[in-house]
Amino acid sequence: MASVTFRRVSKRYGTTTVIDGLDLAVQDREFLVLVGPSGCGKSTALRMIAGLEEVTEGTISIGERVVNDLAPKDRDIAMVFQSYALYPHMTVRQNLAFGLEMRKVARREVEDAVSGAAELLGISALLERKPRQLSGGQRQRVALGRAIVRKPSVFLFDEPLSNLDAKLRVQMRAEIRRLQERLKTTAVYVTHDQVEAMTMGHRIAVMNRGRIEQVGTPLDLYARPETLFVANFIGTPPMNFLRGSLSPDGSVLEAGSVSLHLPASLRSATAGSKGRLVAGIRPEDVREAGPTRGEAAPVTVEVELLEPLGHENVVHGRIGEDLLVAKLPAQRIPAIGSKLDLVLELDALHLFDAETERRLVA
């Protein structure tokens, strides 16, 4: 088994806590993504799995072994870095073979492993080149190949695509997922890019300030964010938020100039709340006035910005002091400064307690 388990893991540098009581179980053959903003602790967590950072408290297990005191070379892991970390004076072939040669693997076995990895990654024609003769995408494939030849129990990826251009990132993230499925190896992948996280992970762990905010499938995080942080972090463009006060009977949320008459399905969620709530709604659930799928709240916004994406237009409008973002069909192009009548699909509202910032469960 190549599961990875954190049990109450903390990491401190002096008086600064970077990881605070982390509990997380990565299943065998799972592709788990750690995602969050810079400084949230995700790369530190990955480096602790690899043995590149010491654990201050708690335990990390790979399979059945606690690895806190094991040297990196004894943990049966392979790591792919953001910087590729290739030896510039070696050929691609030599870079791929180096780790195996250091472990005194038989020459024939090394040659077979290098050839197999090169063929799998489509870099057989590059084996005699030096890293300086390669493109960014080719260097990343070599870095992946160097990890593959070791046949590790766990692959660790530390923002491996951040140095690539946008088109190549899309291509490489698909290739990495296909590779992991083919090799049937456990993978832990770190990124700050939520689109990368959503498209690659079987499950995603969203981190913030050294703690995990929520763990779940991409659909779980998108459809039922447990905190305001997750709701704001997952989704492009981010979720809209309207802050307001609940009426005494719990049926209406007064949010600035907008009155949201809550559907019956949501009213039970507000029971016991102190009245200050945050209503969240995704841009795709903000539509032009017209037929709706269910109960809806009409709003009029002044258009401040238009982002044409070809297949759709993202409209940024303002209601008083609140900003509201909507996704409209490509053929609908409102003028900047114009008034636009929209509706909020109330069945798609997410409600959060303004004080705790946690989801109110209906």
Protein backbone atom coordinates (compact mmCIF):
# COMPACT_ATOMS: atom_id res chain seq x y z
CA MET A 1 0.00 0.00 0.00
CA ALA A 2 1.28 3.50 -0.89
CA SER A 3 -1.07 5.60 1.17
CA VAL A 4 0.24 8.78 2.81
CA THR A 5 -1.09 9.77 6.23
CA PHE A 6 -0.58 12.93 8.29
CA ARG A 7 -1.51 12.57 11.96
CA ARG A 8 -1.61 15.84 13.92
CA VAL A 9 1.42 17.13 12.03
CA SER A 10 2.79 20.56 12.90
CA LYS A 11 5.77 22.48 11.59
CA ARG A 12 7.26 25.46 13.37
CA TYR A 13 10.23 27.70 12.67
CA GLY A 14 11.00 29.21 16.05
CA THR A 15 7.75 30.81 17.19
CA THR A 16 6.22 30.81 13.69
CA THR A 17 3.76 27.99 12.99
CA VAL A 18 3.61 27.04 9.31
CA ILE A 19 1.60 23.81 9.63
CA ASP A 20 -0.85 23.50 12.51
CA GLY A 21 -2.14 20.04 13.52
CA LEU A 22 -2.57 18.67 9.99
CA ASP A 23 -4.69 15.50 9.63
CA LEU A 24 -4.92 14.10 6.11
CA ALA A 25 -5.10 10.64 4.52
CA VAL A 26 -4.06 10.17 0.88
CA GLN A 27 -5.39 6.87 -0.42
CA ASP A 28 -3.40 4.30 -2.38
CA ARG A 29 -3.24 5.23 -6.11
CA GLU A 30 -5.05 8.51 -5.44
CA PHE A 31 -4.14 11.80 -7.10
CA LEU A 32 -4.55 14.34 -4.31
CA VAL A 33 -3.97 18.06 -4.86
CA LEU A 34 -2.93 20.48 -2.11
CA VAL A 35 -4.10 23.92 -3.17
CA GLY A 36 -4.07 27.33 -1.53
CA PRO A 37 -2.53 30.79 -1.68
CA SER A 38 1.18 31.47 -1.30
CA GLY A 39 2.32 30.92 2.29
CA CYS A 40 -0.51 28.57 3.27
CA GLY A 41 1.89 25.68 4.02
CA LYS A 42 1.18 23.37 1.08
CA SER A 43 4.78 23.12 -0.16
CA THR A 44 6.03 22.63 3.40
CA ALA A 45 3.61 19.72 3.80
CA LEU A 46 4.92 18.17 0.59
CA ARG A 47 8.54 18.62 1.63
CA MET A 48 7.82 16.92 4.96
CA ILE A 49 6.55 13.86 3.05
CA ALA A 50 9.80 13.89 1.08
CA GLY A 51 11.95 14.30 4.18
CA LEU A 52 13.28 17.68 3.07
CA GLU A 53 11.69 19.33 6.12
CA GLU A 54 11.59 17.87 9.62
CA VAL A 55 8.28 17.32 11.41
CA THR A 56 7.98 19.35 14.62
CA GLU A 57 5.05 17.34 16.01
CA GLY A 58 2.93 14.43 14.83
CA THR A 59 3.69 11.60 12.40
CA ILE A 60 3.78 11.04 8.65
CA SER A 61 3.31 7.51 7.34
CA ILE A 62 3.87 6.10 3.86
CA GLY A 63 2.01 2.83 3.74
CA GLU A 64 2.42 1.25 7.16
CA ARG A 65 5.79 2.91 7.92
CA VAL A 66 6.19 6.05 9.99
CA VAL A 67 8.83 7.98 8.02
CA ASN A 68 9.59 10.90 10.34
CA ASP A 69 13.15 9.69 10.96
CA LEU A 70 13.84 8.10 7.56
CA ALA A 71 16.26 9.74 5.12
CA PRO A 72 14.65 10.96 1.86
CA LYS A 73 16.34 8.19 -0.14
CA ASP A 74 14.71 5.54 2.04
CA ARG A 75 11.12 6.79 1.70
CA ASP A 76 10.39 5.30 -1.76
CA ILE A 77 9.26 8.63 -3.17
CA ALA A 78 10.18 10.69 -6.23
CA MET A 79 9.75 14.45 -6.42
CA VAL A 80 9.26 16.73 -9.42
CA PHE A 81 10.20 20.35 -8.74
CA GLN A 82 9.09 23.66 -10.20
CA SER A 83 12.66 24.38 -11.36
CA TYR A 84 13.09 20.95 -13.10
CA ALA A 85 16.41 20.50 -11.18
CA LEU A 86 18.23 18.91 -14.15
CA TYR A 87 22.00 18.60 -14.23
CA PRO A 88 23.05 21.06 -16.99
CA HIS A 89 26.31 19.27 -17.87
CA MET A 90 24.58 15.90 -18.42
CA THR A 91 22.59 14.68 -21.41
CA VAL A 92 18.94 13.76 -21.05
CA ARG A 93 19.95 10.09 -20.97
CA GLN A 94 22.45 10.75 -18.18
CA ASN A 95 19.93 12.81 -16.20
CA LEU A 96 17.40 9.98 -16.39
CA ALA A 97 19.96 7.35 -15.41
CA PHE A 98 21.77 9.23 -12.65
CA GLY A 99 19.55 8.31 -9.71
CA LEU A 100 19.54 4.62 -10.63
CA GLU A 101 23.31 4.58 -11.08
CA MET A 102 23.78 6.11 -7.64
CA ARG A 103 21.74 3.20 -6.24
CA LYS A 104 24.05 0.72 -8.00
CA VAL A 105 21.29 -0.65 -10.25
CA ALA A 106 22.54 -3.03 -12.94
CA ARG A 107 23.50 -1.31 -16.19
CA ARG A 108 21.04 -3.27 -18.33
CA GLU A 109 18.19 -2.48 -15.94
CA VAL A 110 19.13 1.22 -16.05
CA GLU A 111 19.11 1.21 -19.85
CA ASP A 112 15.71 -0.51 -19.96
CA ALA A 113 14.24 1.92 -17.42
CA VAL A 114 15.56 4.98 -19.29
CA SER A 115 14.31 3.71 -22.65
CA GLY A 116 10.89 2.87 -21.23
CA ALA A 117 10.45 6.26 -19.56
CA ALA A 118 11.67 8.12 -22.66
CA GLU A 119 9.22 6.23 -24.86
CA LEU A 120 6.35 6.78 -22.43
CA LEU A 121 7.01 10.54 -22.38
CA GLY A 122 7.83 10.94 -26.08
CA ILE A 123 11.40 12.15 -25.51
CA SER A 124 13.37 9.26 -27.08
CA ALA A 125 14.72 11.61 -29.77
CA LEU A 126 16.09 13.97 -27.10
CA LEU A 127 18.24 11.53 -25.14
CA GLU A 128 21.58 12.91 -26.35
CA ARG A 129 20.69 16.59 -25.85
CA LYS A 130 21.68 18.79 -22.92
CA PRO A 131 18.99 20.62 -20.88
CA ARG A 132 19.93 23.99 -22.45
CA GLN A 133 18.90 22.57 -25.84
CA LEU A 134 15.37 21.77 -24.63
CA SER A 135 12.16 23.79 -24.40
CA GLY A 136 10.39 24.25 -21.08
CA GLY A 137 7.93 21.48 -21.87
CA GLN A 138 10.70 19.10 -22.87
CA ARG A 139 12.61 19.84 -19.66
CA GLN A 140 9.51 19.11 -17.65
CA ARG A 141 9.12 15.75 -19.39
CA VAL A 142 12.72 14.91 -18.54
CA ALA A 143 12.05 15.81 -14.89
CA LEU A 144 9.01 13.50 -14.96
CA GLY A 145 11.09 10.77 -16.59
CA ARG A 146 13.70 10.98 -13.86
CA ALA A 147 10.94 10.36 -11.32
CA ILE A 148 9.37 7.53 -13.34
CA VAL A 149 12.54 5.46 -13.73
CA ARG A 150 12.74 5.06 -9.95
CA LYS A 151 9.31 3.36 -9.87
CA PRO A 152 8.43 5.02 -6.55
CA SER A 153 5.43 4.28 -4.37
CA VAL A 154 4.56 7.99 -4.22
CA PHE A 155 5.05 10.83 -6.71
CA LEU A 156 5.37 14.33 -5.23
CA PHE A 157 4.83 17.36 -7.48
CA ASP A 158 5.76 20.86 -6.27
CA GLU A 159 4.11 23.35 -8.66
CA PRO A 160 5.76 21.65 -11.65
CA LEU A 161 3.92 23.62 -14.33
CA SER A 162 4.26 27.18 -13.03
CA ASN A 163 7.18 28.01 -15.36
CA LEU A 164 5.30 26.97 -18.51
CA ASP A 165 3.13 29.15 -20.75
CA ALA A 166 -0.66 28.87 -20.49
CA LYS A 167 -1.19 26.57 -23.49
CA LEU A 168 1.60 24.20 -22.46
CA ARG A 169 0.30 24.08 -18.87
CA VAL A 170 -3.05 22.80 -20.13
CA GLN A 171 -1.33 20.14 -22.23
CA MET A 172 1.05 19.04 -19.48
CA ARG A 173 -1.57 18.77 -16.75
CA ALA A 174 -3.53 16.35 -18.96
CA GLU A 175 -0.35 14.37 -19.64
CA ILE A 176 0.51 14.13 -15.93
CA ARG A 177 -2.98 12.84 -15.08
CA ARG A 178 -2.85 10.25 -17.87
CA LEU A 179 0.61 9.22 -16.69
CA GLN A 180 -0.53 8.76 -13.09
CA GLU A 181 -3.52 6.67 -14.20
CA ARG A 182 -1.27 4.50 -16.36
CA LEU A 183 1.38 3.97 -13.68
CA LYS A 184 -1.24 3.49 -10.91
CA THR A 185 0.94 5.35 -8.41
CA THR A 186 -0.11 7.55 -5.50
CA ALA A 187 0.48 11.24 -6.27
CA VAL A 188 0.44 14.38 -4.12
CA TYR A 189 0.45 17.54 -6.20
CA VAL A 190 0.93 21.10 -4.92
CA THR A 191 -0.36 24.15 -6.78
CA HIS A 192 -1.72 27.64 -6.12
CA ASP A 193 -3.81 27.42 -9.32
CA GLN A 194 -7.36 26.35 -8.51
CA VAL A 195 -8.10 25.50 -12.17
CA GLU A 196 -5.15 23.09 -12.12
CA ALA A 197 -6.47 21.61 -8.89
CA MET A 198 -10.01 21.19 -10.19
CA THR A 199 -8.96 19.52 -13.45
CA MET A 200 -6.31 17.17 -12.01
CA GLY A 201 -7.26 15.90 -8.57
CA HIS A 202 -9.36 12.92 -7.58
CA ARG A 203 -9.67 14.91 -4.37
CA ILE A 204 -8.50 18.38 -3.37
CA ALA A 205 -7.35 19.62 0.03
CA VAL A 206 -7.77 23.41 0.28
CA MET A 207 -5.23 24.91 2.70
CA ASN A 208 -5.22 28.28 4.43
CA ARG A 209 -2.77 29.51 7.08
CA GLY A 210 -1.35 26.07 7.80
CA ARG A 211 -4.71 24.34 8.17
CA ILE A 212 -7.01 22.40 5.88
CA GLU A 213 -10.25 24.25 5.19
CA GLN A 214 -11.94 21.39 3.31
CA VAL A 215 -11.11 18.12 1.57
CA GLY A 216 -13.30 16.69 -1.17
CA THR A 217 -13.79 15.96 -4.83
CA PRO A 218 -13.71 18.92 -7.22
CA LEU A 219 -17.51 18.77 -7.47
CA ASP A 220 -17.88 18.68 -3.65
CA LEU A 221 -15.80 21.84 -3.25
CA TYR A 222 -17.58 23.64 -6.04
CA ALA A 223 -21.13 22.67 -5.12
CA ARG A 224 -20.88 22.73 -1.31
CA PRO A 225 -18.00 24.89 -0.05
CA GLU A 226 -17.84 24.58 3.73
CA THR A 227 -16.29 28.01 4.38
CA LEU A 228 -16.21 31.47 2.84
CA PHE A 229 -12.54 30.93 2.06
CA VAL A 230 -13.23 27.82 -0.03
CA ALA A 231 -16.21 29.46 -1.71
CA ASN A 232 -14.05 32.41 -2.73
CA PHE A 233 -11.01 30.35 -3.73
CA ILE A 234 -12.72 27.69 -5.85
CA GLY A 235 -14.37 28.86 -9.05
CA THR A 236 -13.46 31.21 -11.90
CA PRO A 237 -14.61 33.96 -11.66
CA PRO A 238 -15.00 33.69 -7.86
CA MET A 239 -18.35 33.49 -6.14
CA ASN A 240 -20.27 36.73 -5.56
CA PHE A 241 -20.94 37.64 -1.91
CA LEU A 242 -23.72 39.80 -0.49
CA ARG A 243 -23.59 40.58 3.24
CA GLY A 244 -26.76 41.36 5.11
CA SER A 245 -29.17 40.88 8.00
CA LEU A 246 -31.87 38.27 8.31
CA SER A 247 -35.47 39.25 8.97
CA PRO A 248 -36.96 38.10 12.32
CA ASP A 249 -38.91 35.28 10.67
CA GLY A 250 -35.83 34.07 8.76
CA SER A 251 -37.42 34.48 5.34
CA VAL A 252 -35.64 37.54 3.92
CA LEU A 253 -31.98 38.54 3.79
CA GLU A 254 -31.59 42.31 3.43
CA ALA A 255 -28.23 42.83 1.70
CA GLY A 256 -27.77 46.53 0.94
CA SER A 257 -30.24 47.47 -1.78
CA VAL A 258 -31.08 43.82 -2.49
CA SER A 259 -33.80 41.85 -0.71
CA LEU A 260 -33.36 38.10 -1.02
CA HIS A 261 -36.53 36.14 -0.24
CA LEU A 262 -35.03 32.83 0.80
CA PRO A 263 -36.54 29.65 -0.65
CA ALA A 264 -38.13 27.29 1.86
CA SER A 265 -35.24 24.87 1.27
CA LEU A 266 -32.82 27.42 2.79
CA ARG A 267 -34.90 28.86 5.62
CA SER A 268 -34.27 25.90 7.92
CA ALA A 269 -30.52 26.55 7.57
CA THR A 270 -30.87 29.97 9.19
CA ALA A 271 -32.42 28.64 12.41
CA GLY A 272 -30.23 29.58 15.36
CA SER A 273 -28.12 32.07 13.42
CA LYS A 274 -27.48 35.50 14.92
CA GLY A 275 -28.93 37.22 11.88
CA ARG A 276 -25.74 38.43 10.14
CA LEU A 277 -25.26 36.28 7.07
CA VAL A 278 -23.32 36.18 3.82
CA ALA A 279 -25.14 35.00 0.72
CA GLY A 280 -22.94 33.60 -2.02
CA ILE A 281 -23.94 33.04 -5.63
CA ARG A 282 -21.78 31.95 -8.53
CA PRO A 283 -21.57 34.11 -11.67
CA GLU A 284 -23.20 31.37 -13.76
CA ASP A 285 -26.28 31.60 -11.52
CA VAL A 286 -26.66 35.33 -12.22
CA ARG A 287 -28.67 35.70 -15.44
CA GLU A 288 -30.31 38.33 -17.57
CA ALA A 289 -33.91 39.07 -16.61
CA GLY A 290 -36.25 36.56 -18.23
CA PRO A 291 -37.38 32.98 -17.66
CA THR A 292 -35.68 31.36 -14.65
CA ARG A 293 -35.32 27.82 -13.38
CA GLY A 294 -36.98 28.60 -10.04
CA GLU A 295 -37.35 31.44 -7.54
CA ALA A 296 -35.27 34.48 -8.47
CA ALA A 297 -34.42 37.97 -7.19
CA PRO A 298 -34.30 40.83 -9.71
CA VAL A 299 -31.37 43.30 -9.56
CA THR A 300 -30.19 46.14 -11.76
CA VAL A 301 -26.47 46.74 -12.12
CA GLU A 302 -24.33 49.37 -13.77
CA VAL A 303 -21.84 47.68 -16.09
CA GLU A 304 -18.24 48.52 -15.12
CA LEU A 305 -16.23 45.96 -17.06
CA LEU A 306 -16.77 43.43 -19.83
CA GLU A 307 -14.51 40.42 -20.38
CA PRO A 308 -15.25 38.75 -23.75
CA LEU A 309 -14.08 35.12 -23.71
CA GLY A 310 -15.44 34.04 -27.09
CA HIS A 311 -17.90 31.41 -25.84
CA GLU A 312 -19.32 33.79 -23.22
CA ASN A 313 -18.97 37.28 -21.76
CA VAL A 314 -18.13 37.95 -18.12
CA VAL A 315 -19.85 41.14 -16.95
CA HIS A 316 -18.77 43.07 -13.84
CA GLY A 317 -21.52 45.32 -12.50
CA ARG A 318 -22.21 47.25 -9.34
CA ILE A 319 -25.24 47.38 -7.06
CA GLY A 320 -24.60 50.27 -4.71
CA GLU A 321 -21.35 49.32 -2.96
CA ASP A 322 -21.51 45.65 -3.94
CA LEU A 323 -19.82 44.19 -7.01
CA LEU A 324 -21.70 41.52 -8.93
CA VAL A 325 -20.20 39.33 -11.66
CA ALA A 326 -22.37 37.49 -14.19
CA LYS A 327 -21.74 35.18 -17.12
CA LEU A 328 -23.77 36.07 -20.22
CA PRO A 329 -24.04 34.47 -23.67
CA ALA A 330 -21.38 35.49 -26.20
CA GLN A 331 -23.86 37.42 -28.35
CA ARG A 332 -24.91 39.64 -25.43
CA ILE A 333 -22.48 42.58 -25.23
CA PRO A 334 -23.73 45.34 -22.88
CA ALA A 335 -22.05 48.75 -23.09
CA ILE A 336 -19.83 50.00 -20.28
CA GLY A 337 -21.86 52.35 -18.08
CA SER A 338 -25.19 50.92 -19.19
CA LYS A 339 -27.87 49.57 -16.86
CA LEU A 340 -28.40 45.82 -16.99
CA ASP A 341 -31.35 43.93 -15.51
CA LEU A 342 -30.29 40.64 -13.97
CA VAL A 343 -31.80 37.97 -11.73
CA LEU A 344 -30.20 35.88 -8.99
CA GLU A 345 -31.27 32.22 -9.02
CA LEU A 346 -32.22 31.87 -5.34
CA ASP A 347 -32.14 28.07 -5.36
CA ALA A 348 -28.42 28.37 -6.11
CA LEU A 349 -27.63 30.54 -3.05
CA HIS A 350 -24.98 29.47 -0.56
CA LEU A 351 -25.46 30.82 2.99
CA PHE A 352 -22.61 31.42 5.44
CA ASP A 353 -22.55 32.72 8.99
CA ALA A 354 -20.89 36.16 8.90
CA GLU A 355 -19.09 35.59 12.21
CA THR A 356 -17.78 32.02 11.86
CA GLU A 357 -17.58 32.17 8.04
CA ARG A 358 -18.88 28.59 7.93
CA ARG A 359 -21.62 27.23 5.71
CA LEU A 360 -25.14 27.05 7.08
CA VAL A 361 -26.36 23.53 6.31
CA ALA A 362 -29.93 23.22 5.07
